[in-house]
Amino acid sequence: MNPELQRELAGKRQEIDDLDRQMLELLSRRARCAQEVGRIKARHGDAGYPYRPEREAQVLQRIASLNPGPLPDGAVRQIFREVMSACLALELPLKVAYLGPAGTFSESASRKHFGSAPDLMPRVSIDEVFRAVEANHADYGVVPVENSTEGAVGSTLDLLLAHSLQVCGEVQLRIHHHLLSRAEEMAGLKRLYSHAQSLAQCHEWLNRNLATLPRVPVASNAEAARMAAEDPESCAIAGEAAADLYGLNRLASNIEDDSSNSTRFLVIARHGAGPTGHDKTSLVCSTPNRPGAIYELLEPLVRHGVDMSRLQSRPAPGGMWEYVFYIDVIGHQNDATLAAALAELGQRAAFIKVLGSYPAAR
């Protein structure tokens, strides 16, 4: 190697080593501060919920605003989320339930929101995620609520209405589907395993590339990957986490028909989240079945200048042709303007339940 090149590289590598040492010292100082925060809260009887969604969101917003580059904001947020996750685990390791098994997009959403430190607990159904949190077997739950292609997840909406848990966070996850197999090429494959929603989201790609291959719907993409790992003549549609978990080859990547395909997940807990200045509020309500009822219900939001980001109807439990309406609005329920609008809405609605206010996903 060129001696001058070696000298220049040696100098930069020494600088990197020095910076790594300084970063480690600062990380250790931060961890000790986090431990002291836990001791202070315990001394004052406030050790119940060490994880505060609004505090974490504010830290990540502030860090992104201070970012001088060249790292993009997303990378900086991810790094600092892992730092906060590891520091919080020193205070009290979190238990997070999600729709399993391991390798699902729900697991990826859980890791995106909470980092790598929590104890992630797969559950066999969305109902079991709610039960785990409500019974205090888990601190938090992560459940899918809507997909940009396939729409709302009805079971999650129904459970939010039925349970007393609160929404304290949301996660937006870009969904990339891969064709996975033990085989090294598509020729010779005899069957395809996938969740029904993934089959729908990759329908056109499959028609173009694997039109005659039998499609076998299974309970989850992670289960599809597991079955493909045991069946050398098969393939599966699943995400990157499942590919890594089961050691499968990627025969084709990003095969979803819509490149912007995303799923929104909610974080549920036994407590709410404080305001951050960049929040959403979710609620569910019903109205008498009469002309103009929906207009009357929503008019206070319009008059108070509240931005409604979502309106979804669902059949009401136990009532034929009766409906409840799920509404997402921008802002925190403690904000004066939104509080006034919700108070008026509550006077007009036959039923209203605020599901939670929480930091909006970025």
Protein backbone atom coordinates (compact mmCIF):
# COMPACT_ATOMS: atom_id res chain seq x y z
CA MET A 1 0.00 0.00 0.00
CA ASN A 2 1.14 3.54 -0.74
CA PRO A 3 3.06 4.84 2.36
CA GLU A 4 1.42 8.27 2.17
CA LEU A 5 -2.02 6.63 1.98
CA GLN A 6 -1.15 4.46 4.98
CA ARG A 7 -0.12 7.51 7.02
CA GLU A 8 -3.32 9.41 6.17
CA LEU A 9 -5.51 6.40 6.96
CA ALA A 10 -3.65 5.73 10.22
CA GLY A 11 -4.27 9.30 11.34
CA LYS A 12 -7.99 9.13 10.60
CA ARG A 13 -8.33 5.71 12.20
CA GLN A 14 -6.66 7.01 15.34
CA GLU A 15 -9.10 9.93 15.34
CA ILE A 16 -12.01 7.48 15.04
CA ASP A 17 -10.63 5.39 17.92
CA ASP A 18 -10.38 8.52 20.09
CA LEU A 19 -13.95 9.53 19.20
CA ASP A 20 -15.21 6.02 19.98
CA ARG A 21 -13.59 6.21 23.43
CA GLN A 22 -15.18 9.62 24.07
CA MET A 23 -18.59 8.35 22.91
CA LEU A 24 -18.32 5.34 25.22
CA GLU A 25 -17.51 7.61 28.15
CA LEU A 26 -20.51 9.82 27.33
CA LEU A 27 -22.80 6.81 26.92
CA SER A 28 -21.73 5.53 30.31
CA ARG A 29 -22.42 8.94 31.86
CA ARG A 30 -25.85 9.00 30.24
CA ALA A 31 -26.62 5.50 31.53
CA ARG A 32 -25.66 6.49 35.06
CA CYS A 33 -27.94 9.56 34.78
CA ALA A 34 -30.79 7.30 33.68
CA GLN A 35 -30.19 5.08 36.71
CA GLU A 36 -30.25 8.15 38.96
CA VAL A 37 -33.55 9.26 37.40
CA GLY A 38 -35.00 5.91 38.41
CA ARG A 39 -33.73 6.27 41.97
CA ILE A 40 -35.12 9.83 42.23
CA LYS A 41 -38.55 8.73 41.01
CA ALA A 42 -38.54 5.77 43.39
CA ARG A 43 -37.70 8.08 46.30
CA HIS A 44 -40.73 10.20 45.47
CA GLY A 45 -43.06 7.27 44.86
CA ASP A 46 -43.21 7.74 41.08
CA ALA A 47 -41.61 4.51 39.85
CA GLY A 48 -44.73 2.98 38.29
CA TYR A 49 -44.13 3.86 34.62
CA PRO A 50 -40.45 4.51 33.87
CA TYR A 51 -41.14 4.68 30.12
CA ARG A 52 -42.80 7.97 29.17
CA PRO A 53 -43.80 8.08 25.48
CA GLU A 54 -44.00 11.88 25.41
CA ARG A 55 -40.53 12.29 26.92
CA GLU A 56 -38.96 9.92 24.40
CA ALA A 57 -40.74 11.63 21.50
CA GLN A 58 -39.56 15.06 22.68
CA VAL A 59 -35.95 13.83 22.97
CA LEU A 60 -36.02 12.38 19.47
CA GLN A 61 -37.59 15.55 18.04
CA ARG A 62 -34.97 17.71 19.72
CA ILE A 63 -32.08 15.51 18.59
CA ALA A 64 -33.32 15.54 14.98
CA SER A 65 -33.63 19.34 15.09
CA LEU A 66 -30.01 19.60 16.30
CA ASN A 67 -28.65 17.16 13.72
CA PRO A 68 -25.85 18.87 11.72
CA GLY A 69 -25.39 15.91 9.31
CA PRO A 70 -24.07 14.08 7.41
CA LEU A 71 -26.16 11.33 9.06
CA PRO A 72 -29.84 11.62 8.02
CA ASP A 73 -32.42 12.39 10.71
CA GLY A 74 -33.85 8.86 10.52
CA ALA A 75 -30.49 7.30 11.29
CA VAL A 76 -29.89 9.70 14.17
CA ARG A 77 -33.33 8.91 15.63
CA GLN A 78 -32.65 5.17 15.37
CA ILE A 79 -29.28 5.47 17.12
CA PHE A 80 -30.69 7.55 19.97
CA ARG A 81 -33.72 5.28 20.35
CA GLU A 82 -31.35 2.36 20.92
CA VAL A 83 -29.40 4.41 23.45
CA MET A 84 -32.60 5.29 25.32
CA SER A 85 -33.81 1.70 25.11
CA ALA A 86 -30.62 0.35 26.66
CA CYS A 87 -30.59 3.03 29.38
CA LEU A 88 -34.23 2.40 30.27
CA ALA A 89 -33.51 -1.32 30.61
CA LEU A 90 -31.06 -0.46 33.40
CA GLU A 91 -33.95 1.17 35.27
CA LEU A 92 -36.62 -1.44 34.52
CA PRO A 93 -36.64 -3.85 31.52
CA LEU A 94 -39.91 -3.46 29.63
CA LYS A 95 -42.15 -6.34 28.55
CA VAL A 96 -43.83 -5.72 25.20
CA ALA A 97 -46.50 -8.04 23.77
CA TYR A 98 -47.03 -8.16 20.00
CA LEU A 99 -48.87 -10.22 17.41
CA GLY A 100 -46.52 -13.14 16.84
CA PRO A 101 -44.86 -15.39 16.07
CA ALA A 102 -41.30 -14.09 15.92
CA GLY A 103 -40.42 -12.62 12.55
CA THR A 104 -43.72 -10.79 11.91
CA PHE A 105 -44.04 -7.16 10.91
CA SER A 106 -45.56 -6.57 14.36
CA GLU A 107 -42.24 -7.61 15.87
CA SER A 108 -40.41 -5.23 13.53
CA ALA A 109 -42.77 -2.42 14.57
CA SER A 110 -42.14 -3.22 18.24
CA ARG A 111 -38.39 -3.01 17.76
CA LYS A 112 -38.71 0.20 15.77
CA HIS A 113 -40.65 1.86 18.58
CA PHE A 114 -38.99 0.40 21.69
CA GLY A 115 -35.50 -0.54 20.47
CA SER A 116 -33.74 -3.83 21.12
CA ALA A 117 -33.62 -3.88 24.93
CA PRO A 118 -37.23 -4.79 25.91
CA ASP A 119 -38.40 -8.37 26.39
CA LEU A 120 -40.60 -8.92 23.34
CA MET A 121 -43.45 -11.36 23.96
CA PRO A 122 -45.19 -12.88 20.88
CA ARG A 123 -48.91 -13.63 21.24
CA VAL A 124 -51.10 -15.77 19.02
CA SER A 125 -53.79 -13.14 18.41
CA ILE A 126 -54.49 -9.42 18.77
CA ASP A 127 -56.97 -10.29 21.53
CA GLU A 128 -54.16 -12.00 23.48
CA VAL A 129 -51.99 -8.88 23.16
CA PHE A 130 -54.75 -6.83 24.79
CA ARG A 131 -55.23 -9.46 27.50
CA ALA A 132 -51.50 -9.58 28.28
CA VAL A 133 -51.35 -5.82 28.86
CA GLU A 134 -54.63 -5.64 30.75
CA ALA A 135 -53.57 -8.49 33.07
CA ASN A 136 -50.19 -6.78 33.71
CA HIS A 137 -48.29 -9.65 32.09
CA ALA A 138 -46.88 -7.08 29.66
CA ASP A 139 -46.19 -3.36 30.09
CA TYR A 140 -47.15 -2.46 26.52
CA GLY A 141 -48.71 -4.01 23.45
CA VAL A 142 -48.16 -3.32 19.75
CA VAL A 143 -51.09 -4.05 17.44
CA PRO A 144 -51.76 -3.31 13.75
CA VAL A 145 -54.63 -0.91 13.14
CA GLU A 146 -54.57 -0.12 9.40
CA ASN A 147 -52.71 -0.83 6.18
CA SER A 148 -52.42 1.72 3.41
CA THR A 149 -53.51 -0.88 0.85
CA GLU A 150 -55.90 -3.19 2.70
CA GLY A 151 -57.51 -0.69 5.09
CA ALA A 152 -58.47 -0.98 8.76
CA VAL A 153 -57.83 -3.98 11.01
CA GLY A 154 -61.35 -4.53 12.34
CA SER A 155 -60.39 -6.75 15.29
CA THR A 156 -58.07 -4.07 16.69
CA LEU A 157 -60.78 -1.40 16.43
CA ASP A 158 -63.32 -3.65 18.17
CA LEU A 159 -60.89 -4.47 20.99
CA LEU A 160 -60.06 -0.79 21.54
CA LEU A 161 -63.75 -0.23 22.13
CA ALA A 162 -64.16 -3.24 24.41
CA HIS A 163 -61.08 -2.81 26.64
CA SER A 164 -60.07 -0.08 29.08
CA LEU A 165 -56.49 0.24 27.77
CA GLN A 166 -55.24 3.51 26.33
CA VAL A 167 -53.34 4.28 23.14
CA CYS A 168 -50.02 5.87 24.09
CA GLY A 169 -48.09 5.69 20.82
CA GLU A 170 -48.14 4.83 17.13
CA VAL A 171 -45.65 3.30 14.71
CA GLN A 172 -45.57 3.70 10.93
CA LEU A 173 -43.78 0.77 9.25
CA ARG A 174 -43.01 0.60 5.55
CA ILE A 175 -43.93 -2.91 4.44
CA HIS A 176 -41.54 -4.64 2.05
CA HIS A 177 -42.39 -8.18 0.96
CA HIS A 178 -39.74 -10.63 -0.23
CA LEU A 179 -40.03 -13.98 -1.96
CA LEU A 180 -38.12 -16.38 0.29
CA SER A 181 -37.08 -20.00 -0.12
CA ARG A 182 -34.43 -22.60 0.66
CA ALA A 183 -34.12 -22.95 -3.12
CA GLU A 184 -31.82 -20.64 -5.06
CA GLU A 185 -34.13 -19.98 -8.00
CA MET A 186 -37.87 -19.85 -8.72
CA ALA A 187 -37.81 -22.67 -11.28
CA GLY A 188 -39.04 -25.91 -9.73
CA LEU A 189 -41.03 -24.39 -6.87
CA LYS A 190 -44.31 -26.19 -6.21
CA ARG A 191 -46.18 -24.07 -3.65
CA LEU A 192 -46.25 -20.60 -2.08
CA TYR A 193 -47.09 -19.89 1.57
CA SER A 194 -48.26 -16.47 2.70
CA HIS A 195 -50.72 -14.54 4.83
CA ALA A 196 -53.85 -13.62 2.89
CA GLN A 197 -53.16 -9.87 3.16
CA SER A 198 -49.67 -10.29 1.73
CA LEU A 199 -51.06 -12.32 -1.16
CA ALA A 200 -53.40 -9.41 -1.88
CA GLN A 201 -50.61 -6.83 -1.57
CA CYS A 202 -48.40 -8.78 -4.04
CA HIS A 203 -51.21 -9.94 -6.33
CA GLU A 204 -50.02 -8.30 -9.57
CA TRP A 205 -46.37 -9.30 -9.10
CA LEU A 206 -47.43 -12.90 -8.47
CA ASN A 207 -49.64 -12.91 -11.56
CA ARG A 208 -46.72 -11.70 -13.67
CA ASN A 209 -44.05 -13.96 -12.24
CA LEU A 210 -45.64 -17.01 -10.55
CA ALA A 211 -49.11 -17.15 -12.09
CA THR A 212 -49.48 -20.95 -11.96
CA LEU A 213 -47.89 -21.57 -8.55
CA PRO A 214 -50.48 -22.73 -5.97
CA ARG A 215 -50.94 -20.15 -3.18
CA VAL A 216 -51.48 -21.47 0.34
CA PRO A 217 -52.82 -18.92 2.89
CA VAL A 218 -51.42 -19.34 6.42
CA ALA A 219 -51.83 -17.55 9.77
CA SER A 220 -48.88 -15.15 9.39
CA ASN A 221 -45.92 -14.36 7.17
CA ALA A 222 -43.56 -15.64 9.86
CA GLU A 223 -45.44 -18.96 9.81
CA ALA A 224 -45.13 -18.97 6.01
CA ALA A 225 -41.37 -18.51 6.30
CA ARG A 226 -41.14 -21.31 8.88
CA MET A 227 -43.05 -23.68 6.61
CA ALA A 228 -40.88 -22.73 3.62
CA ALA A 229 -37.77 -23.44 5.70
CA GLU A 230 -39.05 -27.00 6.24
CA ASP A 231 -40.22 -27.51 2.65
CA PRO A 232 -37.42 -27.21 0.06
CA GLU A 233 -39.88 -27.20 -2.85
CA SER A 234 -41.80 -24.20 -1.55
CA CYS A 235 -41.43 -20.45 -1.13
CA ALA A 236 -42.97 -17.82 1.13
CA ILE A 237 -43.83 -14.14 1.13
CA ALA A 238 -42.45 -12.51 4.27
CA GLY A 239 -40.34 -9.67 5.56
CA GLU A 240 -36.64 -9.31 6.18
CA ALA A 241 -36.89 -10.32 9.84
CA ALA A 242 -38.44 -13.68 8.91
CA ALA A 243 -35.80 -14.24 6.21
CA ASP A 244 -33.03 -13.74 8.74
CA LEU A 245 -34.77 -15.79 11.43
CA TYR A 246 -35.20 -18.86 9.22
CA GLY A 247 -32.09 -18.47 7.04
CA LEU A 248 -33.96 -18.25 3.74
CA ASN A 249 -32.71 -16.99 0.39
CA ARG A 250 -34.29 -13.86 -1.10
CA LEU A 251 -35.38 -14.91 -4.58
CA ALA A 252 -36.99 -11.51 -5.20
CA SER A 253 -37.15 -8.36 -3.08
CA ASN A 254 -39.78 -5.64 -2.63
CA ILE A 255 -42.46 -7.52 -4.56
CA GLU A 256 -45.38 -5.51 -3.12
CA ASP A 257 -47.54 -3.92 -5.83
CA ASP A 258 -47.60 -0.54 -4.07
CA SER A 259 -44.11 0.77 -3.27
CA SER A 260 -45.57 3.04 -0.57
CA ASN A 261 -47.30 0.13 1.20
CA SER A 262 -47.25 0.88 4.95
CA THR A 263 -48.91 -0.41 8.09
CA ARG A 264 -49.80 1.69 11.09
CA PHE A 265 -49.49 0.13 14.53
CA LEU A 266 -50.77 1.40 17.87
CA VAL A 267 -49.01 1.08 21.21
CA ILE A 268 -51.46 0.21 23.98
CA ALA A 269 -50.87 0.54 27.73
CA ARG A 270 -52.55 0.97 31.11
CA HIS A 271 -51.60 4.66 31.07
CA GLY A 272 -51.72 7.57 28.66
CA ALA A 273 -49.12 9.95 27.26
CA GLY A 274 -48.61 13.63 27.95
CA PRO A 275 -48.52 16.33 25.24
CA THR A 276 -45.47 16.86 23.05
CA GLY A 277 -46.73 19.54 20.64
CA HIS A 278 -46.87 16.96 17.82
CA ASP A 279 -49.70 14.65 18.88
CA LYS A 280 -52.75 12.73 17.74
CA THR A 281 -55.92 11.82 19.62
CA SER A 282 -58.05 8.78 18.81
CA LEU A 283 -61.68 8.41 19.86
CA VAL A 284 -64.75 6.33 19.11
CA CYS A 285 -68.32 7.58 19.24
CA SER A 286 -71.83 6.89 18.03
CA THR A 287 -74.77 9.03 17.02
CA PRO A 288 -78.53 8.55 16.77
CA ASN A 289 -79.68 7.30 13.38
CA ARG A 290 -81.33 10.42 11.96
CA PRO A 291 -80.74 12.76 8.98
CA GLY A 292 -77.72 15.02 9.41
CA ALA A 293 -76.47 13.16 12.49
CA ILE A 294 -72.89 12.75 11.22
CA TYR A 295 -72.71 16.42 10.25
CA GLU A 296 -73.94 17.45 13.72
CA LEU A 297 -71.39 15.14 15.33
CA LEU A 298 -68.41 16.50 13.40
CA GLU A 299 -69.42 20.17 13.23
CA PRO A 300 -67.64 21.13 16.52
CA LEU A 301 -64.35 19.84 15.08
CA VAL A 302 -64.76 22.01 12.00
CA ARG A 303 -65.81 25.10 13.97
CA HIS A 304 -62.84 24.81 16.35
CA GLY A 305 -60.40 24.27 13.47
CA VAL A 306 -59.49 20.71 14.51
CA ASP A 307 -57.76 18.69 11.78
CA MET A 308 -59.40 15.27 11.41
CA SER A 309 -56.97 12.75 9.88
CA ARG A 310 -59.17 9.64 9.90
CA LEU A 311 -62.84 8.61 10.03
CA GLN A 312 -63.73 4.91 10.05
CA SER A 313 -67.11 3.28 10.68
CA ARG A 314 -67.59 -0.16 12.25
CA PRO A 315 -70.73 -2.15 13.10
CA ALA A 316 -71.72 -1.49 16.69
CA PRO A 317 -71.56 -4.51 19.03
CA GLY A 318 -74.98 -6.12 19.40
CA GLY A 319 -76.85 -3.73 17.12
CA MET A 320 -77.96 -4.65 13.60
CA TRP A 321 -77.29 -1.79 11.17
CA GLU A 322 -75.97 0.37 13.99
CA TYR A 323 -72.47 1.83 13.69
CA VAL A 324 -69.73 3.41 15.75
CA PHE A 325 -67.22 5.88 14.29
CA TYR A 326 -63.49 5.87 14.94
CA ILE A 327 -61.94 9.30 14.57
CA ASP A 328 -58.32 10.46 14.66
CA VAL A 329 -57.62 14.17 15.09
CA ILE A 330 -54.43 16.19 15.28
CA GLY A 331 -53.59 17.46 18.75
CA HIS A 332 -53.65 16.32 22.38
CA GLN A 333 -56.89 16.05 24.33
CA ASN A 334 -55.40 18.43 26.93
CA ASP A 335 -54.90 21.17 24.31
CA ALA A 336 -57.44 23.93 24.97
CA THR A 337 -58.88 24.02 21.45
CA LEU A 338 -59.25 20.26 21.11
CA ALA A 339 -60.60 19.94 24.66
CA ALA A 340 -63.36 22.45 23.85
CA ALA A 341 -64.25 20.64 20.62
CA LEU A 342 -64.35 17.25 22.37
CA ALA A 343 -66.57 18.65 25.12
CA GLU A 344 -69.12 19.81 22.53
CA LEU A 345 -68.84 16.57 20.60
CA GLY A 346 -69.53 14.67 23.83
CA GLN A 347 -72.78 16.62 24.32
CA ARG A 348 -73.98 15.66 20.83
CA ALA A 349 -72.82 12.02 20.67
CA ALA A 350 -74.93 9.16 21.96
CA PHE A 351 -71.65 7.61 23.14
CA ILE A 352 -68.02 8.77 23.16
CA LYS A 353 -64.77 7.22 24.37
CA VAL A 354 -61.37 8.87 24.02
CA LEU A 355 -58.97 6.02 23.24
CA GLY A 356 -55.88 8.11 23.94
CA SER A 357 -53.64 11.00 22.98
CA TYR A 358 -50.11 10.13 21.92
CA PRO A 359 -47.02 11.38 20.04
CA ALA A 360 -47.64 11.23 16.30
CA ALA A 361 -45.28 8.97 14.37
CA ARG A 362 -42.73 10.67 12.15
